[in-house]
Amino acid sequence: MFNENLDSIVDGFASNYASPEIFFTDPDRHFPNRDAIIGILADLRHLMFPRYFGDETPTGSDPRYFIGETLIRIEDSLRRELREALLFRDGDTMDAAAIDARVEEVCSTFLTKLPELHRVLLKDVQAAFDGDPAAQSKEEIIFSYPGFFAVFVYRIAHELYVQKVPLIPRIMTEYAHGRTGVDINSGATIGEYFFIDHATGVVIGETTTIGDHVKIYQGVTLGALSTRAGQQLSGVKRHPTIEDNVTIYSNASVLGGETVVGEGTVIAGGAFVTESIPANSRVSVKGVEINVRQPRKSPASWEL
């Protein structure tokens, strides 16, 4: 049966390939390589946390050779992917020289910011260690915490997002999303000393602003009230502002671009917040009733 239908199946796919979304059939279409982008993240991870995720040994009197060699490899790969991404978006409006100049500018700015980005990530490690009594060491956090990995990827992607690089920041954060269950849009602005405890199910929208020393738990959503207008909302602040020293417990939702959670506030698990909260508040959930019913004891099921 399959052999009899093979020609029609092939014809159906060939027809679908005419869609503009199927880019590989057009030799003039450019697109970054997802595997190469993931490779850049891996190299950055090795650079910032050597010996944790590979065999590199930047020991001895001077680690500069290891740092320099790794940066050269990152720069070479990043330059290629940036060029493809910019050609994808701007190839019809910018000539090759302008694209190359923009690649140089983005690459140089990004690489120059890496030491500062590394410093901030080390503060995120400290936040996780200080905030989690189950953490036995900071090394354990770097090795294994999914929330920290998601924040690591976000901070890298954000530096490219603010330079208006297409595609690559989203590919990076969706890679982390798939690995950890944490969905942080690269456009979000997140301050220092940030910790996501347990991590799974966290959503942080594109226009979210988060201050310093903020801690959130699994299942928290920092989202928009409505996205029915779709692309008409592009560039509009749709997600909340979370000020310094805020704690948001599991499965709470804070929604809306005009919603501001004031400094020092604690939001209880399961809360649904759609309006601003004054500083140093305690937001609780009222009216949730818990009923406990015990089954009747049955000798057949309870006695051995």
C-alpha atoms as a PDB file:
ATOM      1  CA  MET A   1       0.000   0.000   0.000  1.00  0.00           C
ATOM      2  CA  PHE A   2       2.821   2.400   0.899  1.00  0.00           C
ATOM      3  CA  ASN A   3       4.613   1.803  -2.413  1.00  0.00           C
ATOM      4  CA  GLU A   4       1.403   2.547  -4.294  1.00  0.00           C
ATOM      5  CA  ASN A   5       1.012   5.864  -2.466  1.00  0.00           C
ATOM      6  CA  LEU A   6       4.676   6.868  -2.420  1.00  0.00           C
ATOM      7  CA  ASP A   7       4.488   9.132  -5.481  1.00  0.00           C
ATOM      8  CA  SER A   8       1.521  11.088  -4.124  1.00  0.00           C
ATOM      9  CA  ILE A   9       3.202  11.481  -0.704  1.00  0.00           C
ATOM     10  CA  VAL A  10       6.379  12.744  -2.359  1.00  0.00           C
ATOM     11  CA  ASP A  11       4.350  15.145  -4.515  1.00  0.00           C
ATOM     12  CA  GLY A  12       2.582  16.448  -1.407  1.00  0.00           C
ATOM     13  CA  PHE A  13       5.866  17.226   0.353  1.00  0.00           C
ATOM     14  CA  ALA A  14       7.345  18.755  -2.801  1.00  0.00           C
ATOM     15  CA  SER A  15       4.336  21.058  -3.007  1.00  0.00           C
ATOM     16  CA  ASN A  16       4.694  22.016   0.657  1.00  0.00           C
ATOM     17  CA  TYR A  17       8.352  22.860   0.075  1.00  0.00           C
ATOM     18  CA  ALA A  18       7.179  25.881  -1.905  1.00  0.00           C
ATOM     19  CA  SER A  19       6.165  27.446   1.437  1.00  0.00           C
ATOM     20  CA  PRO A  20       8.453  30.357   2.436  1.00  0.00           C
ATOM     21  CA  GLU A  21       8.990  28.715   5.832  1.00  0.00           C
ATOM     22  CA  ILE A  22      10.912  25.843   4.187  1.00  0.00           C
ATOM     23  CA  PHE A  23      14.137  27.770   3.793  1.00  0.00           C
ATOM     24  CA  PHE A  24      16.638  25.084   2.788  1.00  0.00           C
ATOM     25  CA  THR A  25      15.341  24.713  -0.765  1.00  0.00           C
ATOM     26  CA  ASP A  26      16.255  28.342  -1.528  1.00  0.00           C
ATOM     27  CA  PRO A  27      20.023  28.764  -2.015  1.00  0.00           C
ATOM     28  CA  ASP A  28      19.725  32.490  -1.281  1.00  0.00           C
ATOM     29  CA  ARG A  29      18.040  31.965   2.094  1.00  0.00           C
ATOM     30  CA  HIS A  30      20.198  32.284   5.222  1.00  0.00           C
ATOM     31  CA  PHE A  31      19.574  30.793   8.637  1.00  0.00           C
ATOM     32  CA  PRO A  32      21.765  30.211  11.736  1.00  0.00           C
ATOM     33  CA  ASN A  33      22.698  26.663  12.732  1.00  0.00           C
ATOM     34  CA  ARG A  34      21.035  25.523  15.966  1.00  0.00           C
ATOM     35  CA  ASP A  35      23.750  22.981  16.784  1.00  0.00           C
ATOM     36  CA  ALA A  36      26.442  25.622  16.340  1.00  0.00           C
ATOM     37  CA  ILE A  37      24.569  27.967  18.685  1.00  0.00           C
ATOM     38  CA  ILE A  38      24.335  25.236  21.322  1.00  0.00           C
ATOM     39  CA  GLY A  39      28.075  24.691  20.791  1.00  0.00           C
ATOM     40  CA  ILE A  40      28.698  28.378  21.554  1.00  0.00           C
ATOM     41  CA  LEU A  41      26.784  27.984  24.821  1.00  0.00           C
ATOM     42  CA  ALA A  42      28.892  24.935  25.665  1.00  0.00           C
ATOM     43  CA  ASP A  43      32.124  26.836  25.003  1.00  0.00           C
ATOM     44  CA  LEU A  44      30.933  29.748  27.123  1.00  0.00           C
ATOM     45  CA  ARG A  45      30.081  27.319  29.912  1.00  0.00           C
ATOM     46  CA  HIS A  46      33.593  25.829  29.703  1.00  0.00           C
ATOM     47  CA  LEU A  47      35.097  29.319  29.730  1.00  0.00           C
ATOM     48  CA  MET A  48      33.170  30.469  32.787  1.00  0.00           C
ATOM     49  CA  PHE A  49      33.230  27.192  34.713  1.00  0.00           C
ATOM     50  CA  PRO A  50      36.335  25.287  33.575  1.00  0.00           C
ATOM     51  CA  ARG A  51      36.659  21.594  34.505  1.00  0.00           C
ATOM     52  CA  TYR A  52      32.980  21.337  35.456  1.00  0.00           C
ATOM     53  CA  PHE A  53      31.748  20.212  32.048  1.00  0.00           C
ATOM     54  CA  GLY A  54      34.870  19.126  30.177  1.00  0.00           C
ATOM     55  CA  ASP A  55      38.507  18.082  30.401  1.00  0.00           C
ATOM     56  CA  GLU A  56      40.004  21.539  30.094  1.00  0.00           C
ATOM     57  CA  THR A  57      42.610  22.298  32.771  1.00  0.00           C
ATOM     58  CA  PRO A  58      43.420  26.022  32.925  1.00  0.00           C
ATOM     59  CA  THR A  59      45.792  25.476  35.834  1.00  0.00           C
ATOM     60  CA  GLY A  60      49.343  26.606  36.371  1.00  0.00           C
ATOM     61  CA  SER A  61      50.776  30.064  36.665  1.00  0.00           C
ATOM     62  CA  ASP A  62      48.722  31.675  33.910  1.00  0.00           C
ATOM     63  CA  PRO A  63      45.225  30.641  32.680  1.00  0.00           C
ATOM     64  CA  ARG A  64      45.340  33.257  29.900  1.00  0.00           C
ATOM     65  CA  TYR A  65      46.215  30.722  27.218  1.00  0.00           C
ATOM     66  CA  PHE A  66      43.092  28.702  27.965  1.00  0.00           C
ATOM     67  CA  ILE A  67      40.929  31.836  28.150  1.00  0.00           C
ATOM     68  CA  GLY A  68      42.323  33.276  24.947  1.00  0.00           C
ATOM     69  CA  GLU A  69      42.043  30.040  22.985  1.00  0.00           C
ATOM     70  CA  THR A  70      38.450  29.516  24.104  1.00  0.00           C
ATOM     71  CA  LEU A  71      37.492  33.106  23.291  1.00  0.00           C
ATOM     72  CA  ILE A  72      38.970  32.780  19.798  1.00  0.00           C
ATOM     73  CA  ARG A  73      36.881  29.652  19.186  1.00  0.00           C
ATOM     74  CA  ILE A  74      33.719  31.354  20.488  1.00  0.00           C
ATOM     75  CA  GLU A  75      34.361  34.459  18.390  1.00  0.00           C
ATOM     76  CA  ASP A  76      34.873  32.451  15.211  1.00  0.00           C
ATOM     77  CA  SER A  77      31.667  30.448  15.635  1.00  0.00           C
ATOM     78  CA  LEU A  78      29.604  33.402  16.853  1.00  0.00           C
ATOM     79  CA  ARG A  79      30.705  35.526  13.915  1.00  0.00           C
ATOM     80  CA  ARG A  80      29.434  32.901  11.435  1.00  0.00           C
ATOM     81  CA  GLU A  81      26.072  32.504  13.155  1.00  0.00           C
ATOM     82  CA  LEU A  82      25.579  36.242  13.558  1.00  0.00           C
ATOM     83  CA  ARG A  83      26.185  36.744   9.862  1.00  0.00           C
ATOM     84  CA  GLU A  84      23.598  34.096   8.963  1.00  0.00           C
ATOM     85  CA  ALA A  85      21.044  35.558  11.377  1.00  0.00           C
ATOM     86  CA  LEU A  86      21.509  39.093  10.111  1.00  0.00           C
ATOM     87  CA  LEU A  87      21.353  37.986   6.478  1.00  0.00           C
ATOM     88  CA  PHE A  88      18.115  36.161   7.300  1.00  0.00           C
ATOM     89  CA  ARG A  89      16.489  39.364   8.562  1.00  0.00           C
ATOM     90  CA  ASP A  90      18.353  42.166   6.798  1.00  0.00           C
ATOM     91  CA  GLY A  91      19.771  40.573   3.661  1.00  0.00           C
ATOM     92  CA  ASP A  92      17.257  42.345   1.451  1.00  0.00           C
ATOM     93  CA  THR A  93      17.918  45.793   2.923  1.00  0.00           C
ATOM     94  CA  MET A  94      21.638  45.793   3.812  1.00  0.00           C
ATOM     95  CA  ASP A  95      24.595  45.070   1.568  1.00  0.00           C
ATOM     96  CA  ALA A  96      27.323  42.573   2.456  1.00  0.00           C
ATOM     97  CA  ALA A  97      29.704  45.238   3.772  1.00  0.00           C
ATOM     98  CA  ALA A  98      27.067  46.643   6.119  1.00  0.00           C
ATOM     99  CA  ILE A  99      26.203  43.158   7.378  1.00  0.00           C
ATOM    100  CA  ASP A 100      29.868  42.414   8.053  1.00  0.00           C
ATOM    101  CA  ALA A 101      30.299  45.703   9.890  1.00  0.00           C
ATOM    102  CA  ARG A 102      27.271  44.934  12.052  1.00  0.00           C
ATOM    103  CA  VAL A 103      28.606  41.440  12.797  1.00  0.00           C
ATOM    104  CA  GLU A 104      31.902  42.967  13.929  1.00  0.00           C
ATOM    105  CA  GLU A 105      30.117  45.470  16.158  1.00  0.00           C
ATOM    106  CA  VAL A 106      27.835  42.912  17.821  1.00  0.00           C
ATOM    107  CA  CYS A 107      30.591  40.365  18.298  1.00  0.00           C
ATOM    108  CA  SER A 108      33.011  42.868  19.823  1.00  0.00           C
ATOM    109  CA  THR A 109      30.396  44.293  22.198  1.00  0.00           C
ATOM    110  CA  PHE A 110      29.260  40.840  23.302  1.00  0.00           C
ATOM    111  CA  LEU A 111      32.751  39.500  23.979  1.00  0.00           C
ATOM    112  CA  THR A 112      33.758  42.650  25.851  1.00  0.00           C
ATOM    113  CA  LYS A 113      30.822  42.166  28.238  1.00  0.00           C
ATOM    114  CA  LEU A 114      31.660  38.554  29.094  1.00  0.00           C
ATOM    115  CA  PRO A 115      33.833  39.237  32.192  1.00  0.00           C
ATOM    116  CA  GLU A 116      31.051  41.346  33.743  1.00  0.00           C
ATOM    117  CA  LEU A 117      28.481  38.719  32.789  1.00  0.00           C
ATOM    118  CA  HIS A 118      30.678  36.103  34.483  1.00  0.00           C
ATOM    119  CA  ARG A 119      30.780  38.203  37.650  1.00  0.00           C
ATOM    120  CA  VAL A 120      26.979  38.453  37.734  1.00  0.00           C
ATOM    121  CA  LEU A 121      26.596  34.694  37.228  1.00  0.00           C
ATOM    122  CA  LEU A 122      28.890  34.031  40.175  1.00  0.00           C
ATOM    123  CA  LYS A 123      26.550  36.184  42.272  1.00  0.00           C
ATOM    124  CA  ASP A 124      23.633  34.047  41.026  1.00  0.00           C
ATOM    125  CA  VAL A 125      25.523  30.978  42.267  1.00  0.00           C
ATOM    126  CA  GLN A 126      25.911  32.664  45.644  1.00  0.00           C
ATOM    127  CA  ALA A 127      22.186  33.511  45.681  1.00  0.00           C
ATOM    128  CA  ALA A 128      21.306  29.868  45.088  1.00  0.00           C
ATOM    129  CA  PHE A 129      23.663  28.686  47.823  1.00  0.00           C
ATOM    130  CA  ASP A 130      22.434  31.254  50.329  1.00  0.00           C
ATOM    131  CA  GLY A 131      18.791  30.580  49.434  1.00  0.00           C
ATOM    132  CA  ASP A 132      18.713  26.779  49.437  1.00  0.00           C
ATOM    133  CA  PRO A 133      19.471  24.910  52.671  1.00  0.00           C
ATOM    134  CA  ALA A 134      19.621  21.678  50.646  1.00  0.00           C
ATOM    135  CA  ALA A 135      22.624  22.942  48.671  1.00  0.00           C
ATOM    136  CA  GLN A 136      25.754  21.246  49.953  1.00  0.00           C
ATOM    137  CA  SER A 137      28.152  23.427  47.980  1.00  0.00           C
ATOM    138  CA  LYS A 138      28.296  26.100  45.320  1.00  0.00           C
ATOM    139  CA  GLU A 139      29.949  23.536  43.067  1.00  0.00           C
ATOM    140  CA  GLU A 140      26.811  21.399  43.293  1.00  0.00           C
ATOM    141  CA  ILE A 141      24.751  24.342  42.050  1.00  0.00           C
ATOM    142  CA  ILE A 142      26.990  24.909  39.035  1.00  0.00           C
ATOM    143  CA  PHE A 143      27.057  21.201  38.202  1.00  0.00           C
ATOM    144  CA  SER A 144      23.425  20.330  38.602  1.00  0.00           C
ATOM    145  CA  TYR A 145      20.836  23.050  39.311  1.00  0.00           C
ATOM    146  CA  PRO A 146      18.469  23.469  36.346  1.00  0.00           C
ATOM    147  CA  GLY A 147      17.433  26.940  37.495  1.00  0.00           C
ATOM    148  CA  PHE A 148      21.018  28.137  37.406  1.00  0.00           C
ATOM    149  CA  PHE A 149      21.565  26.667  33.938  1.00  0.00           C
ATOM    150  CA  ALA A 150      18.452  28.473  32.678  1.00  0.00           C
ATOM    151  CA  VAL A 151      19.682  31.767  34.155  1.00  0.00           C
ATOM    152  CA  PHE A 152      23.154  31.202  32.658  1.00  0.00           C
ATOM    153  CA  VAL A 153      21.667  30.775  29.178  1.00  0.00           C
ATOM    154  CA  TYR A 154      19.276  33.692  29.665  1.00  0.00           C
ATOM    155  CA  ARG A 155      22.056  36.116  30.624  1.00  0.00           C
ATOM    156  CA  ILE A 156      24.049  35.213  27.514  1.00  0.00           C
ATOM    157  CA  ALA A 157      21.003  35.433  25.241  1.00  0.00           C
ATOM    158  CA  HIS A 158      19.952  38.761  26.767  1.00  0.00           C
ATOM    159  CA  GLU A 159      23.240  40.386  25.758  1.00  0.00           C
ATOM    160  CA  LEU A 160      22.478  39.494  22.141  1.00  0.00           C
ATOM    161  CA  TYR A 161      18.812  40.475  22.470  1.00  0.00           C
ATOM    162  CA  VAL A 162      19.655  44.022  23.577  1.00  0.00           C
ATOM    163  CA  GLN A 163      21.778  44.339  20.431  1.00  0.00           C
ATOM    164  CA  LYS A 164      18.707  43.358  18.380  1.00  0.00           C
ATOM    165  CA  VAL A 165      20.175  40.107  17.077  1.00  0.00           C
ATOM    166  CA  PRO A 166      17.416  38.018  15.441  1.00  0.00           C
ATOM    167  CA  LEU A 167      16.742  34.302  16.076  1.00  0.00           C
ATOM    168  CA  ILE A 168      19.863  33.417  18.075  1.00  0.00           C
ATOM    169  CA  PRO A 169      18.663  34.653  21.519  1.00  0.00           C
ATOM    170  CA  ARG A 170      15.394  32.741  21.143  1.00  0.00           C
ATOM    171  CA  ILE A 171      17.171  29.574  19.990  1.00  0.00           C
ATOM    172  CA  MET A 172      19.350  29.791  23.105  1.00  0.00           C
ATOM    173  CA  THR A 173      16.565  30.304  25.627  1.00  0.00           C
ATOM    174  CA  GLU A 174      14.319  27.668  24.062  1.00  0.00           C
ATOM    175  CA  TYR A 175      17.218  25.215  24.296  1.00  0.00           C
ATOM    176  CA  ALA A 176      17.383  25.935  28.034  1.00  0.00           C
ATOM    177  CA  HIS A 177      13.579  25.743  28.223  1.00  0.00           C
ATOM    178  CA  GLY A 178      13.611  22.268  26.707  1.00  0.00           C
ATOM    179  CA  ARG A 179      16.332  21.077  29.070  1.00  0.00           C
ATOM    180  CA  THR A 180      15.040  22.586  32.306  1.00  0.00           C
ATOM    181  CA  GLY A 181      11.355  23.456  31.978  1.00  0.00           C
ATOM    182  CA  VAL A 182      12.235  27.103  32.688  1.00  0.00           C
ATOM    183  CA  ASP A 183      11.019  29.580  30.048  1.00  0.00           C
ATOM    184  CA  ILE A 184      12.854  32.906  30.380  1.00  0.00           C
ATOM    185  CA  ASN A 185      12.443  35.183  27.397  1.00  0.00           C
ATOM    186  CA  SER A 186      15.756  36.767  26.444  1.00  0.00           C
ATOM    187  CA  GLY A 187      14.119  40.204  26.477  1.00  0.00           C
ATOM    188  CA  ALA A 188      13.423  40.146  30.219  1.00  0.00           C
ATOM    189  CA  THR A 189      15.574  42.401  32.397  1.00  0.00           C
ATOM    190  CA  ILE A 190      16.845  40.583  35.502  1.00  0.00           C
ATOM    191  CA  GLY A 191      19.037  42.090  38.206  1.00  0.00           C
ATOM    192  CA  GLU A 192      21.828  40.547  40.237  1.00  0.00           C
ATOM    193  CA  TYR A 193      21.698  37.790  42.853  1.00  0.00           C
ATOM    194  CA  PHE A 194      18.744  35.986  41.243  1.00  0.00           C
ATOM    195  CA  PHE A 195      17.633  32.491  42.260  1.00  0.00           C
ATOM    196  CA  ILE A 196      14.958  30.150  40.905  1.00  0.00           C
ATOM    197  CA  ASP A 197      14.386  27.375  43.449  1.00  0.00           C
ATOM    198  CA  HIS A 198      13.403  23.955  42.008  1.00  0.00           C
ATOM    199  CA  ALA A 199      12.834  25.758  38.707  1.00  0.00           C
ATOM    200  CA  THR A 200      10.408  23.564  36.761  1.00  0.00           C
ATOM    201  CA  GLY A 201       7.478  25.375  35.168  1.00  0.00           C
ATOM    202  CA  VAL A 202       8.727  28.940  35.618  1.00  0.00           C
ATOM    203  CA  VAL A 203       7.695  31.426  32.898  1.00  0.00           C
ATOM    204  CA  ILE A 204       9.211  34.931  32.648  1.00  0.00           C
ATOM    205  CA  GLY A 205       7.866  37.051  29.793  1.00  0.00           C
ATOM    206  CA  GLU A 206       9.747  39.300  27.401  1.00  0.00           C
ATOM    207  CA  THR A 207       9.029  42.672  29.013  1.00  0.00           C
ATOM    208  CA  THR A 208       9.384  41.541  32.625  1.00  0.00           C
ATOM    209  CA  THR A 209      11.671  43.621  34.822  1.00  0.00           C
ATOM    210  CA  ILE A 210      13.175  41.971  37.924  1.00  0.00           C
ATOM    211  CA  GLY A 211      15.329  43.785  40.466  1.00  0.00           C
ATOM    212  CA  ASP A 212      18.187  42.546  42.646  1.00  0.00           C
ATOM    213  CA  HIS A 213      17.985  39.825  45.309  1.00  0.00           C
ATOM    214  CA  VAL A 214      14.778  38.255  43.971  1.00  0.00           C
ATOM    215  CA  LYS A 215      13.887  34.626  44.656  1.00  0.00           C
ATOM    216  CA  ILE A 216      11.118  32.703  42.893  1.00  0.00           C
ATOM    217  CA  TYR A 217       9.946  29.125  43.157  1.00  0.00           C
ATOM    218  CA  GLN A 218       8.734  26.475  40.737  1.00  0.00           C
ATOM    219  CA  GLY A 219       5.622  27.133  38.691  1.00  0.00           C
ATOM    220  CA  VAL A 220       5.758  30.931  38.981  1.00  0.00           C
ATOM    221  CA  THR A 221       4.457  32.869  35.975  1.00  0.00           C
ATOM    222  CA  LEU A 222       5.438  36.469  35.321  1.00  0.00           C
ATOM    223  CA  GLY A 223       3.190  36.977  32.337  1.00  0.00           C
ATOM    224  CA  ALA A 224       0.817  39.135  30.338  1.00  0.00           C
ATOM    225  CA  LEU A 225      -2.859  39.663  31.117  1.00  0.00           C
ATOM    226  CA  SER A 226      -3.859  38.989  27.516  1.00  0.00           C
ATOM    227  CA  THR A 227      -2.091  38.462  24.194  1.00  0.00           C
ATOM    228  CA  ARG A 228      -5.171  38.366  21.965  1.00  0.00           C
ATOM    229  CA  ALA A 229      -3.943  41.412  20.051  1.00  0.00           C
ATOM    230  CA  GLY A 230      -0.917  39.384  18.966  1.00  0.00           C
ATOM    231  CA  GLN A 231       1.698  41.326  16.986  1.00  0.00           C
ATOM    232  CA  GLN A 232      -0.016  44.625  17.810  1.00  0.00           C
ATOM    233  CA  LEU A 233       1.452  44.229  21.310  1.00  0.00           C
ATOM    234  CA  SER A 234       5.019  43.843  20.065  1.00  0.00           C
ATOM    235  CA  GLY A 235       7.257  46.290  21.929  1.00  0.00           C
ATOM    236  CA  VAL A 236       4.547  47.125  24.480  1.00  0.00           C
ATOM    237  CA  LYS A 237       5.244  46.430  28.172  1.00  0.00           C
ATOM    238  CA  ARG A 238       3.016  43.435  28.814  1.00  0.00           C
ATOM    239  CA  HIS A 239       4.690  41.798  31.807  1.00  0.00           C
ATOM    240  CA  PRO A 240       5.141  42.882  35.436  1.00  0.00           C
ATOM    241  CA  THR A 241       7.894  44.691  37.280  1.00  0.00           C
ATOM    242  CA  ILE A 242       9.318  42.929  40.341  1.00  0.00           C
ATOM    243  CA  GLU A 243      11.355  45.215  42.578  1.00  0.00           C
ATOM    244  CA  ASP A 244      14.311  44.297  44.811  1.00  0.00           C
ATOM    245  CA  ASN A 245      14.209  41.679  47.582  1.00  0.00           C
ATOM    246  CA  VAL A 246      10.931  40.075  46.511  1.00  0.00           C
ATOM    247  CA  THR A 247      10.100  36.396  47.114  1.00  0.00           C
ATOM    248  CA  ILE A 248       7.406  34.671  45.051  1.00  0.00           C
ATOM    249  CA  TYR A 249       6.370  31.178  46.143  1.00  0.00           C
ATOM    250  CA  SER A 250       5.346  28.265  43.960  1.00  0.00           C
ATOM    251  CA  ASN A 251       2.579  28.447  41.350  1.00  0.00           C
ATOM    252  CA  ALA A 252       1.900  32.145  41.877  1.00  0.00           C
ATOM    253  CA  SER A 253       1.030  34.235  38.819  1.00  0.00           C
ATOM    254  CA  VAL A 254       1.859  37.915  38.521  1.00  0.00           C
ATOM    255  CA  LEU A 255       0.387  39.376  35.346  1.00  0.00           C
ATOM    256  CA  GLY A 256       0.226  42.652  33.436  1.00  0.00           C
ATOM    257  CA  GLY A 257       2.568  45.345  32.212  1.00  0.00           C
ATOM    258  CA  GLU A 258       1.283  47.897  34.721  1.00  0.00           C
ATOM    259  CA  THR A 259       1.640  45.533  37.685  1.00  0.00           C
ATOM    260  CA  VAL A 260       4.491  46.479  40.048  1.00  0.00           C
ATOM    261  CA  VAL A 261       5.404  44.305  43.015  1.00  0.00           C
ATOM    262  CA  GLY A 262       7.032  46.595  45.554  1.00  0.00           C
ATOM    263  CA  GLU A 263      10.388  46.012  47.207  1.00  0.00           C
ATOM    264  CA  GLY A 264      10.539  43.483  50.028  1.00  0.00           C
ATOM    265  CA  THR A 265       7.173  41.882  49.241  1.00  0.00           C
ATOM    266  CA  VAL A 266       6.447  38.174  49.737  1.00  0.00           C
ATOM    267  CA  ILE A 267       3.792  36.537  47.533  1.00  0.00           C
ATOM    268  CA  ALA A 268       2.252  33.284  48.724  1.00  0.00           C
ATOM    269  CA  GLY A 269       2.068  30.168  46.598  1.00  0.00           C
ATOM    270  CA  GLY A 270      -0.948  29.978  44.320  1.00  0.00           C
ATOM    271  CA  ALA A 271      -1.643  33.725  44.421  1.00  0.00           C
ATOM    272  CA  PHE A 272      -3.057  35.407  41.311  1.00  0.00           C
ATOM    273  CA  VAL A 273      -1.853  39.014  41.188  1.00  0.00           C
ATOM    274  CA  THR A 274      -3.046  41.442  38.511  1.00  0.00           C
ATOM    275  CA  GLU A 275      -2.585  44.784  40.265  1.00  0.00           C
ATOM    276  CA  SER A 276       0.323  46.565  41.909  1.00  0.00           C
ATOM    277  CA  ILE A 277       1.441  45.606  45.423  1.00  0.00           C
ATOM    278  CA  PRO A 278       2.973  48.157  47.838  1.00  0.00           C
ATOM    279  CA  ALA A 279       6.480  47.644  49.183  1.00  0.00           C
ATOM    280  CA  ASN A 280       7.024  45.265  52.111  1.00  0.00           C
ATOM    281  CA  SER A 281       3.622  43.601  51.698  1.00  0.00           C
ATOM    282  CA  ARG A 282       2.630  40.008  52.428  1.00  0.00           C
ATOM    283  CA  VAL A 283       0.283  38.633  49.797  1.00  0.00           C
ATOM    284  CA  SER A 284      -1.688  35.607  50.978  1.00  0.00           C
ATOM    285  CA  VAL A 285      -4.414  33.441  49.485  1.00  0.00           C
ATOM    286  CA  LYS A 286      -7.684  33.613  51.410  1.00  0.00           C
ATOM    287  CA  GLY A 287     -10.625  31.256  51.283  1.00  0.00           C
ATOM    288  CA  VAL A 288      -8.881  28.059  50.248  1.00  0.00           C
ATOM    289  CA  GLU A 289     -10.462  25.254  52.224  1.00  0.00           C
ATOM    290  CA  ILE A 290      -8.675  21.934  52.721  1.00  0.00           C
ATOM    291  CA  ASN A 291     -10.777  18.887  53.448  1.00  0.00           C
ATOM    292  CA  VAL A 292      -9.166  15.644  54.610  1.00  0.00           C
ATOM    293  CA  ARG A 293     -11.210  12.458  54.274  1.00  0.00           C
ATOM    294  CA  GLN A 294      -9.934   9.156  55.569  1.00  0.00           C
ATOM    295  CA  PRO A 295     -11.135   5.879  54.098  1.00  0.00           C
ATOM    296  CA  ARG A 296     -12.833   3.395  56.366  1.00  0.00           C
ATOM    297  CA  LYS A 297     -10.423   0.799  57.655  1.00  0.00           C
ATOM    298  CA  SER A 298     -10.821  -2.446  55.806  1.00  0.00           C
ATOM    299  CA  PRO A 299      -9.222  -5.568  57.285  1.00  0.00           C
ATOM    300  CA  ALA A 300      -8.712  -6.953  53.810  1.00  0.00           C
ATOM    301  CA  SER A 301      -6.695  -3.961  52.664  1.00  0.00           C
ATOM    302  CA  TRP A 302      -4.995  -2.811  55.883  1.00  0.00           C
ATOM    303  CA  GLU A 303      -3.988  -5.977  57.684  1.00  0.00           C
ATOM    304  CA  LEU A 304      -1.136  -8.207  56.572  1.00  0.00           C
END
